[in-house]
Amino acid sequence: MPTVLILLGWRLFFHANEGNEPIHIHCKSGDKECKFWIDVENFDIQEAFALNLSPCDKRQIRKITERTPNSKLGR
C-alpha cells in the first residue's frame, strides 16, 4: 500500500492492484477511513464510502484530496 501523502493526521494511499476498480484514493486517520473515486475527465472526486467520519472530517479530507497535486493521485 504505497503512501501518497501524510497530512494533518491523514494518510492517503492506494493499493497496487485492485482489479478493475476505477482510479481512487484511500484515506485513513485512526479509526476513520474513506475512499474517493477520481474522475480524471471532469477533475472531480466522489466519495465512495466513509467510516467513522464527522461532517468536519469529511470536509477536511475532501479539501486535502482536492488540493493534492494530480501527479500524486495518479491523474
PDB file of N, CA and C in Angstrom:
ATOM      1  N   MET A   1       0.831  -1.175   0.000  1.00  0.00           N
ATOM      2  CA  MET A   1       0.000   0.000   0.000  1.00  0.00           C
ATOM      3  C   MET A   1       0.881   1.246   0.000  1.00  0.00           C
ATOM      4  N   PRO A   2       1.296   1.692  -1.157  1.00  0.00           N
ATOM      5  CA  PRO A   2       2.135   2.890  -1.214  1.00  0.00           C
ATOM      6  C   PRO A   2       1.408   4.129  -0.672  1.00  0.00           C
ATOM      7  N   THR A   3       2.092   4.869   0.181  1.00  0.00           N
ATOM      8  CA  THR A   3       1.549   6.106   0.733  1.00  0.00           C
ATOM      9  C   THR A   3       1.850   7.252  -0.214  1.00  0.00           C
ATOM     10  N   VAL A   4       0.826   8.042  -0.515  1.00  0.00           N
ATOM     11  CA  VAL A   4       0.952   9.184  -1.395  1.00  0.00           C
ATOM     12  C   VAL A   4       1.278  10.434  -0.587  1.00  0.00           C
ATOM     13  N   LEU A   5       0.612  10.575   0.578  1.00  0.00           N
ATOM     14  CA  LEU A   5       0.744  11.799   1.366  1.00  0.00           C
ATOM     15  C   LEU A   5       0.320  11.527   2.798  1.00  0.00           C
ATOM     16  N   ILE A   6       0.994  12.173   3.741  1.00  0.00           N
ATOM     17  CA  ILE A   6       0.554  12.184   5.138  1.00  0.00           C
ATOM     18  C   ILE A   6       0.434  13.651   5.518  1.00  0.00           C
ATOM     19  N   LEU A   7      -0.772  14.062   5.939  1.00  0.00           N
ATOM     20  CA  LEU A   7      -1.027  15.461   6.255  1.00  0.00           C
ATOM     21  C   LEU A   7      -2.141  15.558   7.277  1.00  0.00           C
ATOM     22  N   LEU A   8      -1.919  16.344   8.326  1.00  0.00           N
ATOM     23  CA  LEU A   8      -2.920  16.585   9.367  1.00  0.00           C
ATOM     24  C   LEU A   8      -3.468  15.287   9.956  1.00  0.00           C
ATOM     25  N   GLY A   9      -2.614  14.282  10.071  1.00  0.00           N
ATOM     26  CA  GLY A   9      -3.030  13.004  10.640  1.00  0.00           C
ATOM     27  C   GLY A   9      -3.670  12.047   9.649  1.00  0.00           C
ATOM     28  N   TRP A  10      -3.865  12.478   8.417  1.00  0.00           N
ATOM     29  CA  TRP A  10      -4.456  11.638   7.374  1.00  0.00           C
ATOM     30  C   TRP A  10      -3.359  11.002   6.538  1.00  0.00           C
ATOM     31  N   ARG A  11      -3.528   9.735   6.233  1.00  0.00           N
ATOM     32  CA  ARG A  11      -2.637   9.028   5.316  1.00  0.00           C
ATOM     33  C   ARG A  11      -3.421   8.719   4.063  1.00  0.00           C
ATOM     34  N   LEU A  12      -2.956   9.216   2.928  1.00  0.00           N
ATOM     35  CA  LEU A  12      -3.577   8.940   1.639  1.00  0.00           C
ATOM     36  C   LEU A  12      -2.732   7.877   0.951  1.00  0.00           C
ATOM     37  N   PHE A  13      -3.388   6.823   0.485  1.00  0.00           N
ATOM     38  CA  PHE A  13      -2.640   5.705  -0.090  1.00  0.00           C
ATOM     39  C   PHE A  13      -3.478   4.992  -1.138  1.00  0.00           C
ATOM     40  N   PHE A  14      -2.838   4.087  -1.846  1.00  0.00           N
ATOM     41  CA  PHE A  14      -3.543   3.264  -2.832  1.00  0.00           C
ATOM     42  C   PHE A  14      -3.000   1.854  -2.756  1.00  0.00           C
ATOM     43  N   HIS A  15      -3.736   0.921  -3.305  1.00  0.00           N
ATOM     44  CA  HIS A  15      -3.289  -0.472  -3.415  1.00  0.00           C
ATOM     45  C   HIS A  15      -2.784  -0.670  -4.841  1.00  0.00           C
ATOM     46  N   ALA A  16      -1.722  -1.412  -4.982  1.00  0.00           N
ATOM     47  CA  ALA A  16      -1.102  -1.580  -6.290  1.00  0.00           C
ATOM     48  C   ALA A  16      -2.002  -2.278  -7.303  1.00  0.00           C
ATOM     49  N   ASN A  17      -2.843  -3.194  -6.847  1.00  0.00           N
ATOM     50  CA  ASN A  17      -3.689  -3.923  -7.796  1.00  0.00           C
ATOM     51  C   ASN A  17      -5.042  -4.206  -7.158  1.00  0.00           C
ATOM     52  N   GLU A  18      -6.051  -3.463  -7.581  1.00  0.00           N
ATOM     53  CA  GLU A  18      -7.400  -3.691  -7.067  1.00  0.00           C
ATOM     54  C   GLU A  18      -8.350  -4.081  -8.191  1.00  0.00           C
ATOM     55  N   GLY A  19      -7.829  -4.823  -9.124  1.00  0.00           N
ATOM     56  CA  GLY A  19      -8.674  -5.329 -10.196  1.00  0.00           C
ATOM     57  C   GLY A  19      -9.124  -4.239 -11.143  1.00  0.00           C
ATOM     58  N   ASN A  20     -10.414  -4.242 -11.431  1.00  0.00           N
ATOM     59  CA  ASN A  20     -10.964  -3.321 -12.431  1.00  0.00           C
ATOM     60  C   ASN A  20     -11.636  -2.098 -11.830  1.00  0.00           C
ATOM     61  N   GLU A  21     -11.329  -1.756 -10.586  1.00  0.00           N
ATOM     62  CA  GLU A  21     -11.945  -0.580  -9.974  1.00  0.00           C
ATOM     63  C   GLU A  21     -11.444   0.687 -10.662  1.00  0.00           C
ATOM     64  N   PRO A  22     -12.294   1.712 -10.737  1.00  0.00           N
ATOM     65  CA  PRO A  22     -11.837   2.992 -11.290  1.00  0.00           C
ATOM     66  C   PRO A  22     -10.732   3.586 -10.410  1.00  0.00           C
ATOM     67  N   ILE A  23     -10.046   4.594 -10.921  1.00  0.00           N
ATOM     68  CA  ILE A  23      -8.986   5.250 -10.162  1.00  0.00           C
ATOM     69  C   ILE A  23      -9.573   5.828  -8.880  1.00  0.00           C
ATOM     70  N   HIS A  24      -8.884   5.583  -7.763  1.00  0.00           N
ATOM     71  CA  HIS A  24      -9.371   6.073  -6.474  1.00  0.00           C
ATOM     72  C   HIS A  24      -8.224   6.199  -5.489  1.00  0.00           C
ATOM     73  N   ILE A  25      -8.507   6.848  -4.370  1.00  0.00           N
ATOM     74  CA  ILE A  25      -7.518   7.028  -3.308  1.00  0.00           C
ATOM     75  C   ILE A  25      -8.166   6.653  -1.980  1.00  0.00           C
ATOM     76  N   HIS A  26      -7.432   5.936  -1.139  1.00  0.00           N
ATOM     77  CA  HIS A  26      -7.877   5.584   0.202  1.00  0.00           C
ATOM     78  C   HIS A  26      -7.333   6.618   1.179  1.00  0.00           C
ATOM     79  N   CYS A  27      -8.095   6.934   2.220  1.00  0.00           N
ATOM     80  CA  CYS A  27      -7.680   7.898   3.232  1.00  0.00           C
ATOM     81  C   CYS A  27      -7.975   7.298   4.601  1.00  0.00           C
ATOM     82  N   LYS A  28      -7.000   7.428   5.523  1.00  0.00           N
ATOM     83  CA  LYS A  28      -7.177   6.827   6.842  1.00  0.00           C
ATOM     84  C   LYS A  28      -6.536   7.716   7.897  1.00  0.00           C
ATOM     85  N   SER A  29      -7.242   7.847   9.024  1.00  0.00           N
ATOM     86  CA  SER A  29      -6.731   8.570  10.181  1.00  0.00           C
ATOM     87  C   SER A  29      -7.319   7.903  11.418  1.00  0.00           C
ATOM     88  N   GLY A  30      -6.496   7.174  12.154  1.00  0.00           N
ATOM     89  CA  GLY A  30      -7.000   6.438  13.313  1.00  0.00           C
ATOM     90  C   GLY A  30      -8.061   5.444  12.884  1.00  0.00           C
ATOM     91  N   ASP A  31      -9.281   5.552  13.478  1.00  0.00           N
ATOM     92  CA  ASP A  31     -10.369   4.636  13.107  1.00  0.00           C
ATOM     93  C   ASP A  31     -11.247   5.201  11.989  1.00  0.00           C
ATOM     94  N   LYS A  32     -10.851   6.342  11.432  1.00  0.00           N
ATOM     95  CA  LYS A  32     -11.598   6.966  10.335  1.00  0.00           C
ATOM     96  C   LYS A  32     -11.019   6.495   9.008  1.00  0.00           C
ATOM     97  N   GLU A  33     -11.909   6.173   8.083  1.00  0.00           N
ATOM     98  CA  GLU A  33     -11.439   5.678   6.793  1.00  0.00           C
ATOM     99  C   GLU A  33     -12.429   6.050   5.712  1.00  0.00           C
ATOM    100  N   CYS A  34     -11.922   6.383   4.528  1.00  0.00           N
ATOM    101  CA  CYS A  34     -12.804   6.685   3.398  1.00  0.00           C
ATOM    102  C   CYS A  34     -12.065   6.404   2.093  1.00  0.00           C
ATOM    103  N   LYS A  35     -12.829   6.456   1.023  1.00  0.00           N
ATOM    104  CA  LYS A  35     -12.268   6.242  -0.308  1.00  0.00           C
ATOM    105  C   LYS A  35     -12.969   7.203  -1.253  1.00  0.00           C
ATOM    106  N   PHE A  36     -12.188   7.797  -2.153  1.00  0.00           N
ATOM    107  CA  PHE A  36     -12.731   8.701  -3.155  1.00  0.00           C
ATOM    108  C   PHE A  36     -12.420   8.183  -4.541  1.00  0.00           C
ATOM    109  N   TRP A  37     -13.452   8.171  -5.412  1.00  0.00           N
ATOM    110  CA  TRP A  37     -13.257   7.883  -6.827  1.00  0.00           C
ATOM    111  C   TRP A  37     -12.701   9.154  -7.449  1.00  0.00           C
ATOM    112  N   ILE A  38     -11.744   9.027  -8.348  1.00  0.00           N
ATOM    113  CA  ILE A  38     -11.145  10.183  -9.012  1.00  0.00           C
ATOM    114  C   ILE A  38     -11.628  10.226 -10.453  1.00  0.00           C
ATOM    115  N   ASP A  39     -12.354  11.284 -10.776  1.00  0.00           N
ATOM    116  CA  ASP A  39     -12.884  11.485 -12.123  1.00  0.00           C
ATOM    117  C   ASP A  39     -11.889  12.349 -12.891  1.00  0.00           C
ATOM    118  N   VAL A  40     -11.012  11.707 -13.641  1.00  0.00           N
ATOM    119  CA  VAL A  40      -9.941  12.429 -14.325  1.00  0.00           C
ATOM    120  C   VAL A  40     -10.460  13.320 -15.455  1.00  0.00           C
ATOM    121  N   GLU A  41     -11.539  12.938 -16.074  1.00  0.00           N
ATOM    122  CA  GLU A  41     -12.066  13.723 -17.188  1.00  0.00           C
ATOM    123  C   GLU A  41     -12.692  15.029 -16.726  1.00  0.00           C
ATOM    124  N   ASN A  42     -13.325  15.019 -15.550  1.00  0.00           N
ATOM    125  CA  ASN A  42     -14.000  16.217 -15.042  1.00  0.00           C
ATOM    126  C   ASN A  42     -13.251  16.881 -13.888  1.00  0.00           C
ATOM    127  N   PHE A  43     -12.045  16.390 -13.582  1.00  0.00           N
ATOM    128  CA  PHE A  43     -11.231  16.934 -12.492  1.00  0.00           C
ATOM    129  C   PHE A  43     -12.042  17.039 -11.207  1.00  0.00           C
ATOM    130  N   ASP A  44     -12.663  15.934 -10.822  1.00  0.00           N
ATOM    131  CA  ASP A  44     -13.536  15.907  -9.657  1.00  0.00           C
ATOM    132  C   ASP A  44     -13.281  14.622  -8.871  1.00  0.00           C
ATOM    133  N   ILE A  45     -13.757  14.610  -7.633  1.00  0.00           N
ATOM    134  CA  ILE A  45     -13.713  13.394  -6.820  1.00  0.00           C
ATOM    135  C   ILE A  45     -15.103  13.139  -6.269  1.00  0.00           C
ATOM    136  N   GLN A  46     -15.412  11.867  -6.053  1.00  0.00           N
ATOM    137  CA  GLN A  46     -16.688  11.453  -5.476  1.00  0.00           C
ATOM    138  C   GLN A  46     -16.414  10.491  -4.334  1.00  0.00           C
ATOM    139  N   GLU A  47     -17.105  10.682  -3.236  1.00  0.00           N
ATOM    140  CA  GLU A  47     -16.928   9.799  -2.089  1.00  0.00           C
ATOM    141  C   GLU A  47     -17.475   8.416  -2.411  1.00  0.00           C
ATOM    142  N   ALA A  48     -16.643   7.400  -2.249  1.00  0.00           N
ATOM    143  CA  ALA A  48     -17.076   6.015  -2.461  1.00  0.00           C
ATOM    144  C   ALA A  48     -17.660   5.443  -1.173  1.00  0.00           C
ATOM    145  N   PHE A  49     -16.983   5.706  -0.047  1.00  0.00           N
ATOM    146  CA  PHE A  49     -17.507   5.317   1.259  1.00  0.00           C
ATOM    147  C   PHE A  49     -16.781   6.108   2.336  1.00  0.00           C
ATOM    148  N   ALA A  50     -17.384   6.174   3.510  1.00  0.00           N
ATOM    149  CA  ALA A  50     -16.773   6.848   4.659  1.00  0.00           C
ATOM    150  C   ALA A  50     -17.201   6.122   5.926  1.00  0.00           C
ATOM    151  N   LEU A  51     -16.228   5.801   6.779  1.00  0.00           N
ATOM    152  CA  LEU A  51     -16.497   5.130   8.046  1.00  0.00           C
ATOM    153  C   LEU A  51     -15.987   5.996   9.199  1.00  0.00           C
ATOM    154  N   ASN A  52     -16.851   6.268  10.160  1.00  0.00           N
ATOM    155  CA  ASN A  52     -16.499   6.993  11.385  1.00  0.00           C
ATOM    156  C   ASN A  52     -16.038   8.431  11.143  1.00  0.00           C
ATOM    157  N   LEU A  53     -16.483   9.066  10.070  1.00  0.00           N
ATOM    158  CA  LEU A  53     -16.111  10.446   9.792  1.00  0.00           C
ATOM    159  C   LEU A  53     -17.245  11.394  10.173  1.00  0.00           C
ATOM    160  N   SER A  54     -16.890  12.462  10.857  1.00  0.00           N
ATOM    161  CA  SER A  54     -17.852  13.526  11.145  1.00  0.00           C
ATOM    162  C   SER A  54     -17.957  14.407   9.901  1.00  0.00           C
ATOM    163  N   PRO A  55     -18.955  15.275   9.821  1.00  0.00           N
ATOM    164  CA  PRO A  55     -19.034  16.214   8.692  1.00  0.00           C
ATOM    165  C   PRO A  55     -17.763  17.066   8.570  1.00  0.00           C
ATOM    166  N   CYS A  56     -17.182  17.456   9.699  1.00  0.00           N
ATOM    167  CA  CYS A  56     -15.934  18.233   9.686  1.00  0.00           C
ATOM    168  C   CYS A  56     -14.789  17.410   9.088  1.00  0.00           C
ATOM    169  N   ASP A  57     -14.691  16.134   9.479  1.00  0.00           N
ATOM    170  CA  ASP A  57     -13.664  15.242   8.925  1.00  0.00           C
ATOM    171  C   ASP A  57     -13.828  15.121   7.414  1.00  0.00           C
ATOM    172  N   LYS A  58     -15.077  14.970   6.967  1.00  0.00           N
ATOM    173  CA  LYS A  58     -15.334  14.825   5.533  1.00  0.00           C
ATOM    174  C   LYS A  58     -14.885  16.067   4.765  1.00  0.00           C
ATOM    175  N   ARG A  59     -15.182  17.246   5.308  1.00  0.00           N
ATOM    176  CA  ARG A  59     -14.755  18.479   4.651  1.00  0.00           C
ATOM    177  C   ARG A  59     -13.229  18.560   4.597  1.00  0.00           C
ATOM    178  N   GLN A  60     -12.586  18.208   5.719  1.00  0.00           N
ATOM    179  CA  GLN A  60     -11.136  18.294   5.787  1.00  0.00           C
ATOM    180  C   GLN A  60     -10.453  17.359   4.785  1.00  0.00           C
ATOM    181  N   ILE A  61     -10.848  16.098   4.766  1.00  0.00           N
ATOM    182  CA  ILE A  61     -10.179  15.151   3.873  1.00  0.00           C
ATOM    183  C   ILE A  61     -10.515  15.440   2.413  1.00  0.00           C
ATOM    184  N   ARG A  62     -11.702  15.934   2.152  1.00  0.00           N
ATOM    185  CA  ARG A  62     -12.044  16.305   0.777  1.00  0.00           C
ATOM    186  C   ARG A  62     -11.142  17.448   0.300  1.00  0.00           C
ATOM    187  N   LYS A  63     -10.928  18.449   1.150  1.00  0.00           N
ATOM    188  CA  LYS A  63     -10.042  19.560   0.784  1.00  0.00           C
ATOM    189  C   LYS A  63      -8.623  19.065   0.543  1.00  0.00           C
ATOM    190  N   ILE A  64      -8.149  18.192   1.423  1.00  0.00           N
ATOM    191  CA  ILE A  64      -6.791  17.646   1.250  1.00  0.00           C
ATOM    192  C   ILE A  64      -6.698  16.910  -0.077  1.00  0.00           C
ATOM    193  N   THR A  65      -7.680  16.068  -0.357  1.00  0.00           N
ATOM    194  CA  THR A  65      -7.660  15.270  -1.585  1.00  0.00           C
ATOM    195  C   THR A  65      -7.754  16.162  -2.822  1.00  0.00           C
ATOM    196  N   GLU A  66      -8.619  17.170  -2.774  1.00  0.00           N
ATOM    197  CA  GLU A  66      -8.772  18.061  -3.927  1.00  0.00           C
ATOM    198  C   GLU A  66      -7.522  18.893  -4.181  1.00  0.00           C
ATOM    199  N   ARG A  67      -6.792  19.217  -3.122  1.00  0.00           N
ATOM    200  CA  ARG A  67      -5.620  20.093  -3.273  1.00  0.00           C
ATOM    201  C   ARG A  67      -4.318  19.336  -3.479  1.00  0.00           C
ATOM    202  N   THR A  68      -4.358  18.022  -3.402  1.00  0.00           N
ATOM    203  CA  THR A  68      -3.156  17.225  -3.629  1.00  0.00           C
ATOM    204  C   THR A  68      -2.853  17.241  -5.126  1.00  0.00           C
ATOM    205  N   PRO A  69      -1.604  17.516  -5.489  1.00  0.00           N
ATOM    206  CA  PRO A  69      -1.264  17.577  -6.922  1.00  0.00           C
ATOM    207  C   PRO A  69      -1.718  16.321  -7.681  1.00  0.00           C
ATOM    208  N   ASN A  70      -2.193  16.553  -8.876  1.00  0.00           N
ATOM    209  CA  ASN A  70      -2.716  15.472  -9.710  1.00  0.00           C
ATOM    210  C   ASN A  70      -1.728  14.329  -9.889  1.00  0.00           C
ATOM    211  N   SER A  71      -0.459  14.627 -10.021  1.00  0.00           N
ATOM    212  CA  SER A  71       0.520  13.574 -10.246  1.00  0.00           C
ATOM    213  C   SER A  71       0.621  12.613  -9.065  1.00  0.00           C
ATOM    214  N   LYS A  72       0.370  13.099  -7.852  1.00  0.00           N
ATOM    215  CA  LYS A  72       0.441  12.229  -6.678  1.00  0.00           C
ATOM    216  C   LYS A  72      -0.748  11.294  -6.617  1.00  0.00           C
ATOM    217  N   LEU A  73      -1.887  11.700  -7.182  1.00  0.00           N
ATOM    218  CA  LEU A  73      -3.094  10.866  -7.122  1.00  0.00           C
ATOM    219  C   LEU A  73      -3.279  10.046  -8.387  1.00  0.00           C
ATOM    220  N   GLY A  74      -2.347  10.091  -9.295  1.00  0.00           N
ATOM    221  CA  GLY A  74      -2.434   9.271 -10.492  1.00  0.00           C
ATOM    222  C   GLY A  74      -3.299   9.862 -11.572  1.00  0.00           C
ATOM    223  N   ARG A  75      -3.571  11.158 -11.489  1.00  0.00           N
ATOM    224  CA  ARG A  75      -4.380  11.811 -12.523  1.00  0.00           C
ATOM    225  C   ARG A  75      -3.506  12.266 -13.657  1.00  0.00           C
TER     226      ARG A  75
END
